[in-house]
Amino acid sequence: MAVKIIESCVNCYACEPVCPSKAIYAAKPHFLVNSKKCTECEGDYPVYQCASICPIEGAILNSLGEAINLPGSLTGIPPERMAEVMAELQGH
């Protein structure tokens, strides 16, 4: 049971200090999670602390490989609508 930080991580250091099990560490090219230490915050917090502060949507996956902070969760803009707007902007 452990979360995974993927390559879209920008090494902003937001998640590392909030991890209650000290499982997150700096590495190249992005932060990583020590799966032996990660508890997915069970027993400490009702939500994943790393994902609750992460500014990059979809950068942290749960143990099932699913994004914890889904695309659109930070902006409130559904991914489909964002794609439409970006296409419009690039077309002009």
PDB file of N, CA and C in Angstrom:
ATOM      1  N   MET A   1       0.846  -1.170   0.000  1.00  0.00           N
ATOM      2  CA  MET A   1       0.000   0.000   0.000  1.00  0.00           C
ATOM      3  C   MET A   1       0.890   1.232   0.000  1.00  0.00           C
ATOM      4  N   ALA A   2       0.898   1.952  -1.117  1.00  0.00           N
ATOM      5  CA  ALA A   2       1.714   3.160  -1.213  1.00  0.00           C
ATOM      6  C   ALA A   2       1.257   3.998  -2.392  1.00  0.00           C
ATOM      7  N   VAL A   3       1.445   5.293  -2.263  1.00  0.00           N
ATOM      8  CA  VAL A   3       1.178   6.176  -3.389  1.00  0.00           C
ATOM      9  C   VAL A   3       2.415   6.197  -4.277  1.00  0.00           C
ATOM     10  N   LYS A   4       2.236   6.727  -5.480  1.00  0.00           N
ATOM     11  CA  LYS A   4       3.350   6.838  -6.418  1.00  0.00           C
ATOM     12  C   LYS A   4       3.318   8.236  -7.017  1.00  0.00           C
ATOM     13  N   ILE A   5       4.470   8.859  -7.090  1.00  0.00           N
ATOM     14  CA  ILE A   5       4.587  10.165  -7.737  1.00  0.00           C
ATOM     15  C   ILE A   5       5.167   9.912  -9.120  1.00  0.00           C
ATOM     16  N   ILE A   6       4.508  10.452 -10.152  1.00  0.00           N
ATOM     17  CA  ILE A   6       4.935  10.187 -11.523  1.00  0.00           C
ATOM     18  C   ILE A   6       5.683  11.369 -12.125  1.00  0.00           C
ATOM     19  N   GLU A   7       6.135  11.185 -13.362  1.00  0.00           N
ATOM     20  CA  GLU A   7       7.039  12.139 -14.012  1.00  0.00           C
ATOM     21  C   GLU A   7       6.479  13.539 -14.221  1.00  0.00           C
ATOM     22  N   SER A   8       5.188  13.751 -14.075  1.00  0.00           N
ATOM     23  CA  SER A   8       4.661  15.114 -14.211  1.00  0.00           C
ATOM     24  C   SER A   8       4.973  15.969 -12.981  1.00  0.00           C
ATOM     25  N   CYS A   9       5.498  15.371 -11.930  1.00  0.00           N
ATOM     26  CA  CYS A   9       5.949  16.090 -10.731  1.00  0.00           C
ATOM     27  C   CYS A   9       7.001  17.123 -11.137  1.00  0.00           C
ATOM     28  N   VAL A  10       6.910  18.317 -10.556  1.00  0.00           N
ATOM     29  CA  VAL A  10       7.848  19.395 -10.888  1.00  0.00           C
ATOM     30  C   VAL A  10       8.824  19.702  -9.751  1.00  0.00           C
ATOM     31  N   ASN A  11       8.917  18.798  -8.783  1.00  0.00           N
ATOM     32  CA  ASN A  11       9.835  18.985  -7.647  1.00  0.00           C
ATOM     33  C   ASN A  11       9.612  20.306  -6.910  1.00  0.00           C
ATOM     34  N   CYS A  12       8.379  20.605  -6.611  1.00  0.00           N
ATOM     35  CA  CYS A  12       8.078  21.867  -5.928  1.00  0.00           C
ATOM     36  C   CYS A  12       8.291  21.785  -4.416  1.00  0.00           C
ATOM     37  N   TYR A  13       8.494  20.597  -3.893  1.00  0.00           N
ATOM     38  CA  TYR A  13       8.736  20.356  -2.467  1.00  0.00           C
ATOM     39  C   TYR A  13       7.506  20.531  -1.580  1.00  0.00           C
ATOM     40  N   ALA A  14       6.326  20.710  -2.137  1.00  0.00           N
ATOM     41  CA  ALA A  14       5.130  20.897  -1.305  1.00  0.00           C
ATOM     42  C   ALA A  14       4.766  19.629  -0.538  1.00  0.00           C
ATOM     43  N   CYS A  15       4.901  18.485  -1.164  1.00  0.00           N
ATOM     44  CA  CYS A  15       4.444  17.231  -0.548  1.00  0.00           C
ATOM     45  C   CYS A  15       5.394  16.680   0.510  1.00  0.00           C
ATOM     46  N   GLU A  16       6.658  16.850   0.305  1.00  0.00           N
ATOM     47  CA  GLU A  16       7.655  16.212   1.172  1.00  0.00           C
ATOM     48  C   GLU A  16       7.485  16.547   2.659  1.00  0.00           C
ATOM     49  N   PRO A  17       7.316  17.803   3.058  1.00  0.00           N
ATOM     50  CA  PRO A  17       7.205  18.094   4.486  1.00  0.00           C
ATOM     51  C   PRO A  17       5.875  17.691   5.125  1.00  0.00           C
ATOM     52  N   VAL A  18       4.820  17.465   4.315  1.00  0.00           N
ATOM     53  CA  VAL A  18       3.517  17.126   4.904  1.00  0.00           C
ATOM     54  C   VAL A  18       3.295  15.622   5.037  1.00  0.00           C
ATOM     55  N   CYS A  19       4.202  14.817   4.537  1.00  0.00           N
ATOM     56  CA  CYS A  19       4.043  13.358   4.610  1.00  0.00           C
ATOM     57  C   CYS A  19       4.235  12.898   6.053  1.00  0.00           C
ATOM     58  N   PRO A  20       3.183  12.330   6.682  1.00  0.00           N
ATOM     59  CA  PRO A  20       3.302  11.928   8.083  1.00  0.00           C
ATOM     60  C   PRO A  20       4.259  10.746   8.302  1.00  0.00           C
ATOM     61  N   SER A  21       4.496   9.953   7.280  1.00  0.00           N
ATOM     62  CA  SER A  21       5.383   8.797   7.438  1.00  0.00           C
ATOM     63  C   SER A  21       6.785   9.051   6.881  1.00  0.00           C
ATOM     64  N   LYS A  22       7.021  10.285   6.421  1.00  0.00           N
ATOM     65  CA  LYS A  22       8.336  10.664   5.874  1.00  0.00           C
ATOM     66  C   LYS A  22       8.763   9.722   4.747  1.00  0.00           C
ATOM     67  N   ALA A  23       7.802   9.342   3.904  1.00  0.00           N
ATOM     68  CA  ALA A  23       8.061   8.404   2.816  1.00  0.00           C
ATOM     69  C   ALA A  23       8.476   9.088   1.516  1.00  0.00           C
ATOM     70  N   ILE A  24       8.278  10.394   1.415  1.00  0.00           N
ATOM     71  CA  ILE A  24       8.576  11.122   0.170  1.00  0.00           C
ATOM     72  C   ILE A  24       9.984  11.686   0.236  1.00  0.00           C
ATOM     73  N   TYR A  25      10.708  11.512  -0.858  1.00  0.00           N
ATOM     74  CA  TYR A  25      12.081  12.022  -0.894  1.00  0.00           C
ATOM     75  C   TYR A  25      12.428  12.564  -2.270  1.00  0.00           C
ATOM     76  N   ALA A  26      13.363  13.512  -2.277  1.00  0.00           N
ATOM     77  CA  ALA A  26      13.809  14.124  -3.526  1.00  0.00           C
ATOM     78  C   ALA A  26      14.686  13.160  -4.297  1.00  0.00           C
ATOM     79  N   ALA A  27      14.466  13.101  -5.574  1.00  0.00           N
ATOM     80  CA  ALA A  27      15.253  12.265  -6.477  1.00  0.00           C
ATOM     81  C   ALA A  27      15.223  12.926  -7.846  1.00  0.00           C
ATOM     82  N   LYS A  28      15.962  12.379  -8.765  1.00  0.00           N
ATOM     83  CA  LYS A  28      15.933  12.908 -10.135  1.00  0.00           C
ATOM     84  C   LYS A  28      15.200  11.919 -11.002  1.00  0.00           C
ATOM     85  N   PRO A  29      14.365  12.349 -11.894  1.00  0.00           N
ATOM     86  CA  PRO A  29      14.034  13.738 -12.220  1.00  0.00           C
ATOM     87  C   PRO A  29      12.872  14.296 -11.405  1.00  0.00           C
ATOM     88  N   HIS A  30      12.263  13.490 -10.514  1.00  0.00           N
ATOM     89  CA  HIS A  30      11.138  13.987  -9.711  1.00  0.00           C
ATOM     90  C   HIS A  30      11.130  13.279  -8.357  1.00  0.00           C
ATOM     91  N   PHE A  31      10.275  13.761  -7.453  1.00  0.00           N
ATOM     92  CA  PHE A  31      10.154  13.150  -6.140  1.00  0.00           C
ATOM     93  C   PHE A  31       9.679  11.703  -6.268  1.00  0.00           C
ATOM     94  N   LEU A  32      10.060  10.898  -5.298  1.00  0.00           N
ATOM     95  CA  LEU A  32       9.654   9.495  -5.259  1.00  0.00           C
ATOM     96  C   LEU A  32       9.087   9.168  -3.885  1.00  0.00           C
ATOM     97  N   VAL A  33       8.450   8.002  -3.773  1.00  0.00           N
ATOM     98  CA  VAL A  33       7.862   7.554  -2.517  1.00  0.00           C
ATOM     99  C   VAL A  33       8.490   6.212  -2.133  1.00  0.00           C
ATOM    100  N   ASN A  34       8.947   6.134  -0.902  1.00  0.00           N
ATOM    101  CA  ASN A  34       9.458   4.877  -0.373  1.00  0.00           C
ATOM    102  C   ASN A  34       8.235   4.032  -0.021  1.00  0.00           C
ATOM    103  N   SER A  35       7.979   3.007  -0.815  1.00  0.00           N
ATOM    104  CA  SER A  35       6.766   2.206  -0.629  1.00  0.00           C
ATOM    105  C   SER A  35       6.755   1.435   0.690  1.00  0.00           C
ATOM    106  N   LYS A  36       7.901   1.221   1.281  1.00  0.00           N
ATOM    107  CA  LYS A  36       7.958   0.527   2.562  1.00  0.00           C
ATOM    108  C   LYS A  36       7.540   1.431   3.719  1.00  0.00           C
ATOM    109  N   LYS A  37       7.642   2.744   3.522  1.00  0.00           N
ATOM    110  CA  LYS A  37       7.262   3.694   4.568  1.00  0.00           C
ATOM    111  C   LYS A  37       5.854   4.257   4.392  1.00  0.00           C
ATOM    112  N   CYS A  38       5.390   4.360   3.146  1.00  0.00           N
ATOM    113  CA  CYS A  38       4.109   5.006   2.858  1.00  0.00           C
ATOM    114  C   CYS A  38       2.944   4.215   3.439  1.00  0.00           C
ATOM    115  N   THR A  39       2.086   4.910   4.173  1.00  0.00           N
ATOM    116  CA  THR A  39       0.887   4.301   4.767  1.00  0.00           C
ATOM    117  C   THR A  39      -0.392   4.813   4.108  1.00  0.00           C
ATOM    118  N   GLU A  40      -0.241   5.635   3.067  1.00  0.00           N
ATOM    119  CA  GLU A  40      -1.372   6.312   2.428  1.00  0.00           C
ATOM    120  C   GLU A  40      -2.154   7.116   3.457  1.00  0.00           C
ATOM    121  N   CYS A  41      -1.470   7.588   4.468  1.00  0.00           N
ATOM    122  CA  CYS A  41      -2.003   8.431   5.538  1.00  0.00           C
ATOM    123  C   CYS A  41      -3.047   7.742   6.420  1.00  0.00           C
ATOM    124  N   GLU A  42      -3.223   6.436   6.262  1.00  0.00           N
ATOM    125  CA  GLU A  42      -4.191   5.710   7.096  1.00  0.00           C
ATOM    126  C   GLU A  42      -3.781   5.810   8.558  1.00  0.00           C
ATOM    127  N   GLY A  43      -4.737   6.160   9.381  1.00  0.00           N
ATOM    128  CA  GLY A  43      -4.495   6.297  10.804  1.00  0.00           C
ATOM    129  C   GLY A  43      -4.005   7.679  11.198  1.00  0.00           C
ATOM    130  N   ASP A  44      -3.598   8.485  10.219  1.00  0.00           N
ATOM    131  CA  ASP A  44      -3.127   9.837  10.505  1.00  0.00           C
ATOM    132  C   ASP A  44      -4.090  10.909   9.999  1.00  0.00           C
ATOM    133  N   TYR A  45      -4.556  10.756   8.757  1.00  0.00           N
ATOM    134  CA  TYR A  45      -5.415  11.754   8.129  1.00  0.00           C
ATOM    135  C   TYR A  45      -6.484  11.069   7.280  1.00  0.00           C
ATOM    136  N   PRO A  46      -7.638  11.704   7.112  1.00  0.00           N
ATOM    137  CA  PRO A  46      -8.691  11.106   6.285  1.00  0.00           C
ATOM    138  C   PRO A  46      -8.429  11.222   4.780  1.00  0.00           C
ATOM    139  N   VAL A  47      -7.490  12.091   4.384  1.00  0.00           N
ATOM    140  CA  VAL A  47      -7.140  12.268   2.966  1.00  0.00           C
ATOM    141  C   VAL A  47      -5.626  12.198   2.810  1.00  0.00           C
ATOM    142  N   TYR A  48      -5.188  11.890   1.612  1.00  0.00           N
ATOM    143  CA  TYR A  48      -3.760  11.861   1.315  1.00  0.00           C
ATOM    144  C   TYR A  48      -3.190  13.264   1.449  1.00  0.00           C
ATOM    145  N   GLN A  49      -2.252  13.449   2.333  1.00  0.00           N
ATOM    146  CA  GLN A  49      -1.689  14.776   2.559  1.00  0.00           C
ATOM    147  C   GLN A  49      -0.880  15.250   1.359  1.00  0.00           C
ATOM    148  N   CYS A  50      -0.146  14.362   0.718  1.00  0.00           N
ATOM    149  CA  CYS A  50       0.670  14.747  -0.436  1.00  0.00           C
ATOM    150  C   CYS A  50      -0.213  15.261  -1.574  1.00  0.00           C
ATOM    151  N   ALA A  51      -1.282  14.551  -1.858  1.00  0.00           N
ATOM    152  CA  ALA A  51      -2.167  14.947  -2.950  1.00  0.00           C
ATOM    153  C   ALA A  51      -2.973  16.191  -2.608  1.00  0.00           C
ATOM    154  N   SER A  52      -3.261  16.381  -1.327  1.00  0.00           N
ATOM    155  CA  SER A  52      -4.063  17.544  -0.937  1.00  0.00           C
ATOM    156  C   SER A  52      -3.318  18.848  -1.154  1.00  0.00           C
ATOM    157  N   ILE A  53      -1.995  18.794  -1.218  1.00  0.00           N
ATOM    158  CA  ILE A  53      -1.212  20.016  -1.394  1.00  0.00           C
ATOM    159  C   ILE A  53      -0.539  20.089  -2.766  1.00  0.00           C
ATOM    160  N   CYS A  54      -0.532  18.994  -3.507  1.00  0.00           N
ATOM    161  CA  CYS A  54       0.159  18.940  -4.795  1.00  0.00           C
ATOM    162  C   CYS A  54      -0.479  19.888  -5.822  1.00  0.00           C
ATOM    163  N   PRO A  55       0.314  20.786  -6.436  1.00  0.00           N
ATOM    164  CA  PRO A  55      -0.231  21.716  -7.414  1.00  0.00           C
ATOM    165  C   PRO A  55      -0.333  21.140  -8.830  1.00  0.00           C
ATOM    166  N   ILE A  56       0.084  19.896  -9.016  1.00  0.00           N
ATOM    167  CA  ILE A  56       0.065  19.285 -10.348  1.00  0.00           C
ATOM    168  C   ILE A  56      -0.995  18.187 -10.391  1.00  0.00           C
ATOM    169  N   GLU A  57      -2.057  18.442 -11.126  1.00  0.00           N
ATOM    170  CA  GLU A  57      -3.146  17.481 -11.213  1.00  0.00           C
ATOM    171  C   GLU A  57      -2.649  16.166 -11.821  1.00  0.00           C
ATOM    172  N   GLY A  58      -2.998  15.073 -11.175  1.00  0.00           N
ATOM    173  CA  GLY A  58      -2.659  13.755 -11.688  1.00  0.00           C
ATOM    174  C   GLY A  58      -1.237  13.294 -11.438  1.00  0.00           C
ATOM    175  N   ALA A  59      -0.448  14.035 -10.680  1.00  0.00           N
ATOM    176  CA  ALA A  59       0.951  13.668 -10.443  1.00  0.00           C
ATOM    177  C   ALA A  59       1.126  12.600  -9.384  1.00  0.00           C
ATOM    178  N   ILE A  60       0.094  12.355  -8.583  1.00  0.00           N
ATOM    179  CA  ILE A  60       0.197  11.358  -7.515  1.00  0.00           C
ATOM    180  C   ILE A  60      -0.889  10.313  -7.718  1.00  0.00           C
ATOM    181  N   LEU A  61      -0.458   9.051  -7.728  1.00  0.00           N
ATOM    182  CA  LEU A  61      -1.372   7.931  -7.949  1.00  0.00           C
ATOM    183  C   LEU A  61      -1.543   7.132  -6.668  1.00  0.00           C
ATOM    184  N   ASN A  62      -2.729   6.560  -6.478  1.00  0.00           N
ATOM    185  CA  ASN A  62      -2.935   5.687  -5.325  1.00  0.00           C
ATOM    186  C   ASN A  62      -2.377   4.305  -5.625  1.00  0.00           C
ATOM    187  N   SER A  63      -2.544   3.373  -4.717  1.00  0.00           N
ATOM    188  CA  SER A  63      -1.969   2.036  -4.883  1.00  0.00           C
ATOM    189  C   SER A  63      -2.608   1.256  -6.032  1.00  0.00           C
ATOM    190  N   LEU A  64      -3.727   1.732  -6.545  1.00  0.00           N
ATOM    191  CA  LEU A  64      -4.376   1.103  -7.698  1.00  0.00           C
ATOM    192  C   LEU A  64      -3.928   1.733  -9.016  1.00  0.00           C
ATOM    193  N   GLY A  65      -3.067   2.749  -8.927  1.00  0.00           N
ATOM    194  CA  GLY A  65      -2.590   3.433 -10.126  1.00  0.00           C
ATOM    195  C   GLY A  65      -3.521   4.517 -10.629  1.00  0.00           C
ATOM    196  N   GLU A  66      -4.468   4.936  -9.795  1.00  0.00           N
ATOM    197  CA  GLU A  66      -5.430   5.970 -10.165  1.00  0.00           C
ATOM    198  C   GLU A  66      -4.972   7.325  -9.628  1.00  0.00           C
ATOM    199  N   ALA A  67      -5.148   8.366 -10.431  1.00  0.00           N
ATOM    200  CA  ALA A  67      -4.781   9.710  -9.995  1.00  0.00           C
ATOM    201  C   ALA A  67      -5.611  10.106  -8.786  1.00  0.00           C
ATOM    202  N   ILE A  68      -4.931  10.619  -7.765  1.00  0.00           N
ATOM    203  CA  ILE A  68      -5.630  11.031  -6.548  1.00  0.00           C
ATOM    204  C   ILE A  68      -6.241  12.413  -6.732  1.00  0.00           C
ATOM    205  N   ASN A  69      -5.453  13.344  -7.259  1.00  0.00           N
ATOM    206  CA  ASN A  69      -5.998  14.675  -7.554  1.00  0.00           C
ATOM    207  C   ASN A  69      -6.205  14.738  -9.070  1.00  0.00           C
ATOM    208  N   LEU A  70      -7.388  14.366  -9.471  1.00  0.00           N
ATOM    209  CA  LEU A  70      -7.753  14.202 -10.871  1.00  0.00           C
ATOM    210  C   LEU A  70      -7.639  15.495 -11.676  1.00  0.00           C
ATOM    211  N   PRO A  71      -7.429  15.371 -12.992  1.00  0.00           N
ATOM    212  CA  PRO A  71      -7.457  16.567 -13.839  1.00  0.00           C
ATOM    213  C   PRO A  71      -8.769  17.311 -13.643  1.00  0.00           C
ATOM    214  N   GLY A  72      -8.682  18.603 -13.436  1.00  0.00           N
ATOM    215  CA  GLY A  72      -9.848  19.436 -13.184  1.00  0.00           C
ATOM    216  C   GLY A  72     -10.125  19.643 -11.710  1.00  0.00           C
ATOM    217  N   SER A  73      -9.480  18.874 -10.842  1.00  0.00           N
ATOM    218  CA  SER A  73      -9.758  18.987  -9.412  1.00  0.00           C
ATOM    219  C   SER A  73      -9.234  20.283  -8.814  1.00  0.00           C
ATOM    220  N   LEU A  74      -8.184  20.840  -9.368  1.00  0.00           N
ATOM    221  CA  LEU A  74      -7.641  22.096  -8.832  1.00  0.00           C
ATOM    222  C   LEU A  74      -8.272  23.319  -9.486  1.00  0.00           C
ATOM    223  N   THR A  75      -8.520  23.235 -10.774  1.00  0.00           N
ATOM    224  CA  THR A  75      -9.066  24.380 -11.492  1.00  0.00           C
ATOM    225  C   THR A  75     -10.578  24.433 -11.457  1.00  0.00           C
ATOM    226  N   GLY A  76     -11.213  23.272 -11.252  1.00  0.00           N
ATOM    227  CA  GLY A  76     -12.674  23.211 -11.310  1.00  0.00           C
ATOM    228  C   GLY A  76     -13.182  23.168 -12.737  1.00  0.00           C
ATOM    229  N   ILE A  77     -12.270  23.096 -13.704  1.00  0.00           N
ATOM    230  CA  ILE A  77     -12.637  23.055 -15.111  1.00  0.00           C
ATOM    231  C   ILE A  77     -12.550  21.607 -15.593  1.00  0.00           C
ATOM    232  N   PRO A  78     -13.643  21.049 -16.091  1.00  0.00           N
ATOM    233  CA  PRO A  78     -13.590  19.681 -16.595  1.00  0.00           C
ATOM    234  C   PRO A  78     -12.552  19.562 -17.713  1.00  0.00           C
ATOM    235  N   PRO A  79     -11.806  18.456 -17.753  1.00  0.00           N
ATOM    236  CA  PRO A  79     -10.760  18.293 -18.766  1.00  0.00           C
ATOM    237  C   PRO A  79     -11.247  18.483 -20.198  1.00  0.00           C
ATOM    238  N   GLU A  80     -12.481  18.060 -20.483  1.00  0.00           N
ATOM    239  CA  GLU A  80     -13.022  18.215 -21.836  1.00  0.00           C
ATOM    240  C   GLU A  80     -13.165  19.695 -22.199  1.00  0.00           C
ATOM    241  N   ARG A  81     -13.660  20.476 -21.263  1.00  0.00           N
ATOM    242  CA  ARG A  81     -13.834  21.919 -21.497  1.00  0.00           C
ATOM    243  C   ARG A  81     -12.481  22.599 -21.633  1.00  0.00           C
ATOM    244  N   MET A  82     -11.516  22.191 -20.814  1.00  0.00           N
ATOM    245  CA  MET A  82     -10.173  22.758 -20.901  1.00  0.00           C
ATOM    246  C   MET A  82      -9.573  22.483 -22.278  1.00  0.00           C
ATOM    247  N   ALA A  83      -9.760  21.271 -22.784  1.00  0.00           N
ATOM    248  CA  ALA A  83      -9.245  20.918 -24.109  1.00  0.00           C
ATOM    249  C   ALA A  83      -9.892  21.788 -25.190  1.00  0.00           C
ATOM    250  N   GLU A  84     -11.182  22.022 -25.074  1.00  0.00           N
ATOM    251  CA  GLU A  84     -11.896  22.868 -26.049  1.00  0.00           C
ATOM    252  C   GLU A  84     -11.335  24.293 -26.030  1.00  0.00           C
ATOM    253  N   VAL A  85     -11.165  24.853 -24.853  1.00  0.00           N
ATOM    254  CA  VAL A  85     -10.665  26.222 -24.723  1.00  0.00           C
ATOM    255  C   VAL A  85      -9.232  26.325 -25.254  1.00  0.00           C
ATOM    256  N   MET A  86      -8.402  25.346 -24.903  1.00  0.00           N
ATOM    257  CA  MET A  86      -7.018  25.372 -25.383  1.00  0.00           C
ATOM    258  C   MET A  86      -6.959  25.280 -26.900  1.00  0.00           C
ATOM    259  N   ALA A  87      -7.837  24.476 -27.492  1.00  0.00           N
ATOM    260  CA  ALA A  87      -7.896  24.356 -28.950  1.00  0.00           C
ATOM    261  C   ALA A  87      -8.307  25.686 -29.574  1.00  0.00           C
ATOM    262  N   GLU A  88      -9.265  26.365 -28.943  1.00  0.00           N
ATOM    263  CA  GLU A  88      -9.696  27.679 -29.434  1.00  0.00           C
ATOM    264  C   GLU A  88      -8.548  28.682 -29.352  1.00  0.00           C
ATOM    265  N   LEU A  89      -7.841  28.693 -28.235  1.00  0.00           N
ATOM    266  CA  LEU A  89      -6.740  29.628 -28.062  1.00  0.00           C
ATOM    267  C   LEU A  89      -5.619  29.383 -29.075  1.00  0.00           C
ATOM    268  N   GLN A  90      -5.320  28.152 -29.322  1.00  0.00           N
ATOM    269  CA  GLN A  90      -4.258  27.821 -30.257  1.00  0.00           C
ATOM    270  C   GLN A  90      -4.671  28.084 -31.696  1.00  0.00           C
ATOM    271  N   GLY A  91      -5.968  28.111 -31.959  1.00  0.00           N
ATOM    272  CA  GLY A  91      -6.465  28.374 -33.302  1.00  0.00           C
ATOM    273  C   GLY A  91      -6.449  29.840 -33.680  1.00  0.00           C
ATOM    274  N   HIS A  92      -6.262  30.712 -32.724  1.00  0.00           N
ATOM    275  CA  HIS A  92      -6.294  32.159 -33.006  1.00  0.00           C
ATOM    276  C   HIS A  92      -4.932  32.744 -33.082  1.00  0.00           C
TER     277      HIS A  92
END
